[in-house]
Amino acid sequence: MPTATRHVDPALAAVRAAETVVREAEVAKLHAVLAWAGEHTIECAGDPDRMSFGECPLHLGGPGCPVVDEFAAYDLAVALGLSSESGCAYLGQALELRYRLPRLWAAVTAGRLVVWKARKIAEATIALPVEGAAYVDQRLAQAVTKISFAQIRRLVEEAILRYAPDQAKEETTDRRRVFVDLHLTDSHGNVPVDAVLAAPDAHDLEHALRAGAKRLAEAGSEETLDVRRSIVLGELARGDQALDLPGPSVIVHLHQDSPDVGRCETTRSPVTLETIRTWVGSAAKVFIRPVIDLNDTVHVEAYEAPDRLRRHIELRDLTCVFPHCQKPATRCDLDHVCPHSRGGATCSCNLAPLCRRHHRAKTHGTWRYLIEHPGSYRWTTPSGQTYRRDHTGTVALTYAEP
């Protein structure tokens, strides 16, 4: 009896081939990152937990993993196309796999364990002592292709009870926590937040979120309830409003040459003086600010930038201007691109927002940048790579030869 010939779907075959290439590339990337780490390992003299305004050693993996240069790690993060936080998290997971989870590392290199799952396991074991990580590694080695994340979590908890009971006791005493997973930023710039609060704090937060979401809806916001609640939480984080939410705040930008019309930050459109009076009558706080022309050059004869100049820079750049960084400019330092000590002016043409960690990298490391034009910056990394950072994101311009 003739045997039927099985038809191979060429599209599925192409998908499988592409998936194989991706998996092999992820393993190759891990090897490259670990090779880089081997060249940037440092010895920590004195207190390994010391902190200063200058460079700090980074203990990214668990106990027993190599320690790496901080500012060099930011160079690696940019090469990976990641923020400094995400790049350091990736490096820490790679070090954890290589140096503390040898059986799982062998499974990764053999293709039996996919990289993304191995990284999740490594993330969970970084806080464990050496014996605890070895226990998890041994228990998982035979079931790496089948174990679920719930089982991994239970195994890590068991390792804590066995090898770090003091840590487990602290956890059962008070389970409050707040975890902001910055290295899981999605394509829209959103990150997950997970928290456990005391009941009174949770009630107060819920009241604030409900009232704030209602306020935004009444102000004309067409976003969904969930989005409005997240916006309110961001406002609370920045201190833009109090928890009791006694009433809405109004920020009005007035043209200096026109006393009859202003512009509201909420509507983004001109409003009449009568409308402004109505808002002011029901507002808890009213802020009157001049309209800022971002095309103007603002200059002062001092080192410190006044509020008007700071606001100009914040509106122009919106975030820290370091490659891939998304820290809000309102929470950044203002950096003199050309240092003030070398004649750099305190003006909108020579100031840029840098978050504290990247301000340190530029001031105390060999990171350098210049302003191509307002809002566009060309960065040179310690390894000699160059990148352009502007409102569209970060783009690699040149790569040094390996």
Protein backbone atom coordinates (compact mmCIF):
# COMPACT_ATOMS: atom_id res chain seq x y z
CA MET A 1 0.00 0.00 0.00
CA PRO A 2 1.59 3.31 -1.04
CA THR A 3 2.64 5.67 1.75
CA ALA A 4 1.12 9.14 1.60
CA THR A 5 3.63 11.93 1.19
CA ARG A 6 3.32 14.50 3.98
CA HIS A 7 3.21 18.05 2.68
CA VAL A 8 5.58 20.47 4.42
CA ASP A 9 4.14 23.95 4.73
CA PRO A 10 6.95 26.24 3.49
CA ALA A 11 5.65 29.17 5.53
CA LEU A 12 5.78 27.18 8.79
CA ALA A 13 9.21 25.88 7.86
CA ALA A 14 10.37 29.48 7.42
CA VAL A 15 8.88 30.40 10.82
CA ARG A 16 10.71 27.52 12.51
CA ALA A 17 13.97 28.46 10.79
CA ALA A 18 13.60 32.09 11.84
CA GLU A 19 12.84 31.07 15.44
CA THR A 20 15.98 28.94 15.48
CA VAL A 21 18.04 31.88 14.25
CA VAL A 22 16.55 34.14 16.94
CA ARG A 23 17.28 31.65 19.73
CA GLU A 24 20.84 31.12 18.56
CA ALA A 25 21.32 34.90 18.31
CA GLU A 26 20.08 35.37 21.88
CA VAL A 27 22.61 32.81 23.14
CA ALA A 28 25.36 34.47 21.10
CA LYS A 29 24.41 37.83 22.60
CA LEU A 30 24.68 36.38 26.12
CA HIS A 31 28.16 35.05 25.31
CA ALA A 32 29.21 38.45 23.93
CA VAL A 33 27.87 40.29 27.00
CA LEU A 34 29.74 37.91 29.33
CA ALA A 35 32.94 38.33 27.30
CA TRP A 36 32.54 42.10 27.65
CA ALA A 37 31.95 41.73 31.41
CA GLY A 38 35.17 39.72 31.71
CA GLU A 39 37.07 42.71 30.33
CA HIS A 40 35.41 45.19 32.69
CA THR A 41 35.60 43.36 36.01
CA ILE A 42 36.99 45.44 38.87
CA GLU A 43 38.34 44.70 42.32
CA CYS A 44 36.46 46.42 45.16
CA ALA A 45 38.75 47.72 47.86
CA GLY A 46 37.27 48.74 51.19
CA ASP A 47 33.53 48.87 51.61
CA PRO A 48 31.85 47.18 48.58
CA ASP A 49 28.65 49.09 49.28
CA ARG A 50 30.23 52.51 49.22
CA MET A 51 28.30 55.21 47.39
CA SER A 52 29.60 58.54 46.17
CA PHE A 53 28.80 61.18 43.62
CA GLY A 54 31.48 59.63 41.38
CA GLU A 55 31.60 56.18 39.84
CA CYS A 56 30.36 53.24 41.93
CA PRO A 57 31.12 49.52 41.48
CA LEU A 58 28.07 47.62 40.31
CA HIS A 59 27.15 44.38 42.11
CA LEU A 60 24.58 43.30 39.54
CA GLY A 61 24.56 39.53 40.04
CA GLY A 62 24.18 37.67 43.29
CA PRO A 63 26.97 37.11 45.86
CA GLY A 64 29.99 35.62 44.13
CA CYS A 65 29.43 37.27 40.74
CA PRO A 66 32.05 39.65 39.31
CA VAL A 67 31.72 43.38 39.94
CA VAL A 68 31.79 45.71 36.91
CA ASP A 69 32.50 49.36 36.15
CA GLU A 70 29.37 51.51 36.47
CA PHE A 71 29.95 53.95 33.62
CA ALA A 72 31.19 51.18 31.31
CA ALA A 73 27.99 49.24 32.05
CA TYR A 74 25.99 52.17 30.69
CA ASP A 75 28.05 51.88 27.49
CA LEU A 76 27.02 48.22 27.23
CA ALA A 77 23.36 49.13 27.83
CA VAL A 78 23.38 51.62 24.95
CA ALA A 79 25.03 49.04 22.67
CA LEU A 80 22.18 46.65 23.57
CA GLY A 81 19.66 49.35 22.66
CA LEU A 82 18.44 49.50 26.27
CA SER A 83 18.14 52.09 29.00
CA SER A 84 20.81 52.01 31.72
CA GLU A 85 18.38 50.29 34.12
CA SER A 86 17.37 47.63 31.60
CA GLY A 87 20.93 47.08 30.41
CA CYS A 88 22.24 46.63 33.94
CA ALA A 89 19.39 44.22 34.70
CA TYR A 90 20.28 42.17 31.60
CA LEU A 91 23.96 42.12 32.59
CA GLY A 92 23.10 41.08 36.14
CA GLN A 93 20.98 38.18 34.90
CA ALA A 94 23.74 37.07 32.51
CA LEU A 95 26.31 37.09 35.34
CA GLU A 96 23.91 35.21 37.61
CA LEU A 97 23.42 32.49 35.02
CA ARG A 98 27.11 32.12 34.21
CA TYR A 99 28.58 32.21 37.70
CA ARG A 100 25.83 30.98 40.07
CA LEU A 101 23.56 28.75 37.98
CA PRO A 102 26.00 26.56 36.04
CA ARG A 103 23.52 23.78 35.25
CA LEU A 104 20.98 26.21 33.83
CA TRP A 105 23.75 27.97 31.94
CA ALA A 106 24.70 24.64 30.36
CA ALA A 107 21.05 24.13 29.39
CA VAL A 108 21.00 27.56 27.74
CA THR A 109 24.15 26.95 25.73
CA ALA A 110 22.83 23.52 24.69
CA GLY A 111 19.57 25.03 23.46
CA ARG A 112 17.37 23.22 26.01
CA LEU A 113 16.42 26.41 27.90
CA VAL A 114 15.36 29.57 26.08
CA VAL A 115 17.17 32.73 27.10
CA TRP A 116 14.11 34.73 28.18
CA LYS A 117 13.04 32.01 30.64
CA ALA A 118 16.59 31.60 31.94
CA ARG A 119 16.74 35.34 32.58
CA LYS A 120 13.51 35.22 34.58
CA ILE A 121 14.93 32.44 36.74
CA ALA A 122 18.17 34.36 37.24
CA GLU A 123 16.22 37.46 38.21
CA ALA A 124 14.50 35.46 40.95
CA THR A 125 17.72 33.97 42.37
CA ILE A 126 19.92 37.08 42.48
CA ALA A 127 18.82 37.89 46.04
CA LEU A 128 19.61 34.36 47.30
CA PRO A 129 22.83 33.43 49.11
CA VAL A 130 25.30 31.23 47.26
CA GLU A 131 23.89 28.03 48.75
CA GLY A 132 20.33 29.04 47.89
CA ALA A 133 21.18 29.74 44.24
CA ALA A 134 22.98 26.37 44.00
CA TYR A 135 19.91 24.65 45.48
CA VAL A 136 17.59 26.20 42.88
CA ASP A 137 20.05 25.42 40.09
CA GLN A 138 20.24 21.76 41.09
CA ARG A 139 16.47 21.34 41.48
CA LEU A 140 15.65 23.00 38.16
CA ALA A 141 18.33 21.37 36.04
CA GLN A 142 16.26 18.27 35.22
CA ALA A 143 13.00 20.10 34.48
CA VAL A 144 13.99 23.29 32.72
CA THR A 145 11.67 22.75 29.75
CA LYS A 146 8.55 22.06 31.82
CA ILE A 147 8.68 24.09 35.03
CA SER A 148 6.26 27.01 35.38
CA PHE A 149 6.98 30.40 36.89
CA ALA A 150 4.70 29.57 39.83
CA GLN A 151 6.86 26.52 40.56
CA ILE A 152 10.01 28.63 40.22
CA ARG A 153 8.61 31.14 42.71
CA ARG A 154 7.77 28.40 45.21
CA LEU A 155 11.24 26.88 44.79
CA VAL A 156 12.89 30.26 45.45
CA GLU A 157 10.72 30.72 48.56
CA GLU A 158 11.79 27.26 49.74
CA ALA A 159 15.44 28.22 49.19
CA ILE A 160 14.90 31.37 51.27
CA LEU A 161 13.45 29.31 54.12
CA ARG A 162 16.38 26.88 53.96
CA TYR A 163 19.30 29.24 53.46
CA ALA A 164 18.10 32.74 54.45
CA PRO A 165 15.49 32.26 57.22
CA ASP A 166 16.07 35.78 58.56
CA GLN A 167 15.04 37.17 55.19
CA ALA A 168 11.92 34.97 55.21
CA LYS A 169 11.04 36.12 58.75
CA GLU A 170 11.25 39.74 57.70
CA GLU A 171 9.00 39.04 54.72
CA THR A 172 6.29 37.38 56.84
CA THR A 173 6.43 40.18 59.41
CA ASP A 174 5.57 42.94 56.95
CA ARG A 175 4.62 42.13 53.38
CA ARG A 176 4.23 45.71 52.21
CA ARG A 177 6.18 46.43 49.05
CA VAL A 178 6.23 48.53 45.89
CA PHE A 179 7.90 47.18 42.76
CA VAL A 180 8.32 49.27 39.61
CA ASP A 181 9.66 47.01 36.85
CA LEU A 182 11.60 49.59 34.82
CA HIS A 183 13.29 47.01 32.59
CA LEU A 184 9.92 45.82 31.25
CA THR A 185 9.08 49.07 29.47
CA ASP A 186 6.74 48.35 26.56
CA SER A 187 6.70 49.98 23.12
CA HIS A 188 4.44 52.77 24.42
CA GLY A 189 6.77 53.69 27.27
CA ASN A 190 4.65 52.04 29.98
CA VAL A 191 5.98 49.94 32.85
CA PRO A 192 4.14 47.60 35.27
CA VAL A 193 3.80 48.59 38.92
CA ASP A 194 3.02 46.06 41.65
CA ALA A 195 2.41 47.02 45.27
CA VAL A 196 1.11 45.77 48.62
CA LEU A 197 -0.02 48.58 50.94
CA ALA A 198 -1.41 48.83 54.42
CA ALA A 199 -5.22 49.00 54.33
CA PRO A 200 -5.48 52.69 55.43
CA ASP A 201 -2.92 53.72 52.79
CA ALA A 202 -4.74 51.66 50.15
CA HIS A 203 -8.07 53.33 51.00
CA ASP A 204 -6.47 56.79 50.76
CA LEU A 205 -4.83 55.94 47.44
CA GLU A 206 -8.06 54.55 46.00
CA HIS A 207 -9.90 57.73 47.05
CA ALA A 208 -7.23 59.88 45.41
CA LEU A 209 -7.32 57.87 42.17
CA ARG A 210 -11.12 57.97 41.94
CA ALA A 211 -11.30 61.69 42.64
CA GLY A 212 -8.43 62.46 40.28
CA ALA A 213 -9.90 60.37 37.45
CA LYS A 214 -13.21 62.17 37.90
CA ARG A 215 -11.46 65.54 37.84
CA LEU A 216 -9.73 64.69 34.54
CA ALA A 217 -13.03 63.56 33.02
CA GLU A 218 -14.71 66.80 34.07
CA ALA A 219 -11.83 68.74 32.55
CA GLY A 220 -12.55 67.10 29.19
CA SER A 221 -10.21 64.09 29.16
CA GLU A 222 -11.44 61.38 26.77
CA GLU A 223 -9.06 58.72 28.07
CA THR A 224 -10.39 55.51 29.59
CA LEU A 225 -10.85 55.23 33.35
CA ASP A 226 -7.75 53.04 33.71
CA VAL A 227 -5.61 55.51 31.79
CA ARG A 228 -6.93 58.45 33.83
CA ARG A 229 -6.16 56.59 37.07
CA SER A 230 -2.60 55.94 35.89
CA ILE A 231 -2.19 59.63 35.00
CA VAL A 232 -3.32 60.60 38.51
CA LEU A 233 -0.85 58.16 40.05
CA GLY A 234 1.93 59.82 38.06
CA GLU A 235 0.78 63.22 39.32
CA LEU A 236 0.95 61.96 42.89
CA ALA A 237 4.46 60.61 42.29
CA ARG A 238 5.63 64.02 41.06
CA GLY A 239 3.90 65.83 43.92
CA ASP A 240 1.59 67.65 41.50
CA GLN A 241 -1.36 67.25 43.87
CA ALA A 242 -2.16 66.27 47.45
CA LEU A 243 -3.79 62.97 48.35
CA ASP A 244 -6.92 64.60 49.69
CA LEU A 245 -7.53 66.30 46.30
CA PRO A 246 -9.43 69.31 47.65
CA GLY A 247 -10.03 70.60 44.13
CA PRO A 248 -8.47 70.92 40.67
CA SER A 249 -5.35 72.97 40.00
CA VAL A 250 -5.28 75.42 37.09
CA ILE A 251 -2.12 76.38 35.24
CA VAL A 252 -2.62 79.31 32.87
CA HIS A 253 0.05 80.54 30.48
CA LEU A 254 -0.47 84.23 29.68
CA HIS A 255 1.05 86.07 26.75
CA GLN A 256 2.84 89.11 28.11
CA ASP A 257 1.53 91.26 25.26
CA SER A 258 -2.11 90.08 25.51
CA PRO A 259 -3.99 90.52 28.82
CA ASP A 260 -7.26 89.17 27.39
CA VAL A 261 -6.32 85.64 26.42
CA GLY A 262 -4.28 82.78 27.86
CA ARG A 263 -3.48 79.18 27.18
CA CYS A 264 -4.35 76.31 29.50
CA GLU A 265 -2.10 73.25 29.90
CA THR A 266 -5.15 70.94 30.04
CA THR A 267 -6.90 72.06 26.84
CA ARG A 268 -3.74 73.13 24.93
CA SER A 269 -5.85 75.82 23.24
CA PRO A 270 -6.51 79.55 23.77
CA VAL A 271 -9.16 80.43 26.37
CA THR A 272 -11.00 83.65 27.12
CA LEU A 273 -10.51 85.73 30.25
CA GLU A 274 -14.08 84.91 31.36
CA THR A 275 -13.35 81.16 31.13
CA ILE A 276 -10.21 81.64 33.18
CA ARG A 277 -12.21 83.49 35.87
CA THR A 278 -14.66 80.57 36.04
CA TRP A 279 -11.85 78.04 36.48
CA VAL A 280 -10.10 80.17 39.09
CA GLY A 281 -13.30 80.38 41.11
CA SER A 282 -13.43 76.58 41.59
CA ALA A 283 -9.72 75.79 41.71
CA ALA A 284 -7.72 74.91 44.78
CA LYS A 285 -4.51 76.28 43.24
CA VAL A 286 -3.91 78.68 40.36
CA PHE A 287 -0.54 79.05 38.65
CA ILE A 288 0.07 81.96 36.27
CA ARG A 289 3.04 81.46 33.95
CA PRO A 290 4.29 83.26 30.86
CA VAL A 291 4.08 81.56 27.48
CA ILE A 292 7.50 80.10 26.66
CA ASP A 293 8.78 80.31 23.09
CA LEU A 294 11.11 77.33 22.70
CA ASN A 295 12.76 79.01 19.72
CA ASP A 296 14.07 81.82 21.95
CA THR A 297 17.54 81.70 23.50
CA VAL A 298 17.41 82.43 27.22
CA HIS A 299 20.67 83.51 28.91
CA VAL A 300 21.53 84.43 32.50
CA GLU A 301 24.78 85.67 34.07
CA ALA A 302 24.90 83.03 36.81
CA TYR A 303 25.72 79.36 37.33
CA GLU A 304 22.31 78.35 38.69
CA ALA A 305 19.44 78.37 36.18
CA PRO A 306 16.33 80.28 37.31
CA ASP A 307 12.90 78.63 37.21
CA ARG A 308 12.00 80.30 33.90
CA LEU A 309 15.10 78.84 32.18
CA ARG A 310 14.61 75.42 33.80
CA ARG A 311 11.00 75.34 32.57
CA HIS A 312 12.21 76.18 29.06
CA ILE A 313 14.66 73.24 29.06
CA GLU A 314 12.09 70.84 30.54
CA LEU A 315 9.49 71.69 27.88
CA ARG A 316 12.03 71.43 25.06
CA ASP A 317 13.58 68.06 25.97
CA LEU A 318 10.88 66.40 28.12
CA THR A 319 13.27 63.67 29.39
CA CYS A 320 16.89 63.07 30.31
CA VAL A 321 18.82 63.36 27.04
CA PHE A 322 21.18 60.42 27.70
CA PRO A 323 20.79 57.64 25.11
CA HIS A 324 17.61 55.60 25.73
CA CYS A 325 16.88 57.29 29.09
CA GLN A 326 13.25 58.22 29.77
CA LYS A 327 13.53 59.92 33.18
CA PRO A 328 11.24 63.00 33.14
CA ALA A 329 13.17 66.24 32.70
CA THR A 330 11.33 67.65 35.71
CA ARG A 331 13.27 65.19 37.89
CA CYS A 332 16.67 65.80 36.28
CA ASP A 333 19.68 68.01 36.94
CA LEU A 334 20.42 70.78 34.45
CA ASP A 335 23.87 70.10 33.01
CA HIS A 336 26.16 72.61 31.34
CA VAL A 337 27.07 70.75 28.13
CA CYS A 338 30.21 72.85 27.90
CA PRO A 339 31.22 73.03 31.59
CA HIS A 340 30.72 76.37 33.32
CA SER A 341 34.28 76.17 34.61
CA ARG A 342 35.52 76.21 31.00
CA GLY A 343 33.43 79.20 29.98
CA GLY A 344 30.16 77.41 29.24
CA ALA A 345 27.21 79.77 29.43
CA THR A 346 24.10 79.30 31.54
CA CYS A 347 21.68 79.49 28.65
CA SER A 348 19.15 77.39 26.77
CA CYS A 349 21.82 76.83 24.11
CA ASN A 350 24.18 75.14 26.61
CA LEU A 351 21.90 73.40 29.13
CA ALA A 352 20.37 69.93 28.95
CA PRO A 353 18.51 67.73 31.46
CA LEU A 354 20.44 64.72 32.78
CA CYS A 355 19.20 62.41 35.51
CA ARG A 356 21.57 62.06 38.45
CA ARG A 357 23.22 58.79 37.36
CA HIS A 358 23.91 60.07 33.84
CA HIS A 359 25.00 63.46 35.15
CA ARG A 360 27.64 61.58 37.18
CA ALA A 361 28.67 59.56 34.12
CA LYS A 362 29.24 62.73 32.13
CA THR A 363 30.95 64.65 34.96
CA HIS A 364 33.16 61.90 36.40
CA GLY A 365 33.46 59.48 33.48
CA THR A 366 34.51 59.75 29.85
CA TRP A 367 31.01 60.15 28.42
CA ARG A 368 30.88 63.29 26.25
CA TYR A 369 28.17 65.02 24.24
CA LEU A 370 27.46 68.16 22.27
CA ILE A 371 24.37 69.98 21.06
CA GLU A 372 23.84 69.61 17.31
CA HIS A 373 20.84 71.92 17.50
CA PRO A 374 18.27 72.57 20.27
CA GLY A 375 16.78 69.21 21.26
CA SER A 376 19.34 67.07 19.35
CA TYR A 377 22.49 65.71 21.04
CA ARG A 378 25.47 63.74 19.77
CA TRP A 379 26.94 61.43 22.43
CA THR A 380 30.36 59.74 22.44
CA THR A 381 30.66 56.72 24.74
CA PRO A 382 33.78 55.59 26.66
CA SER A 383 34.35 52.94 23.96
CA GLY A 384 34.23 55.52 21.16
CA GLN A 385 30.73 54.79 19.78
CA THR A 386 28.63 57.78 18.81
CA TYR A 387 24.86 58.15 19.07
CA ARG A 388 22.33 60.83 18.29
CA ARG A 389 19.60 61.41 20.88
CA ASP A 390 16.61 63.59 19.96
CA HIS A 391 12.81 63.52 20.23
CA THR A 392 12.63 60.51 17.91
CA GLY A 393 14.83 58.37 20.18
CA THR A 394 18.41 57.12 20.05
CA VAL A 395 20.20 56.27 16.79
CA ALA A 396 23.68 54.75 16.43
CA LEU A 397 25.91 56.86 14.20
CA THR A 398 29.25 55.01 14.25
CA TYR A 399 30.72 51.90 15.81
CA ALA A 400 34.34 51.43 16.72
CA GLU A 401 36.04 48.38 15.23
CA PRO A 402 36.23 45.46 17.69
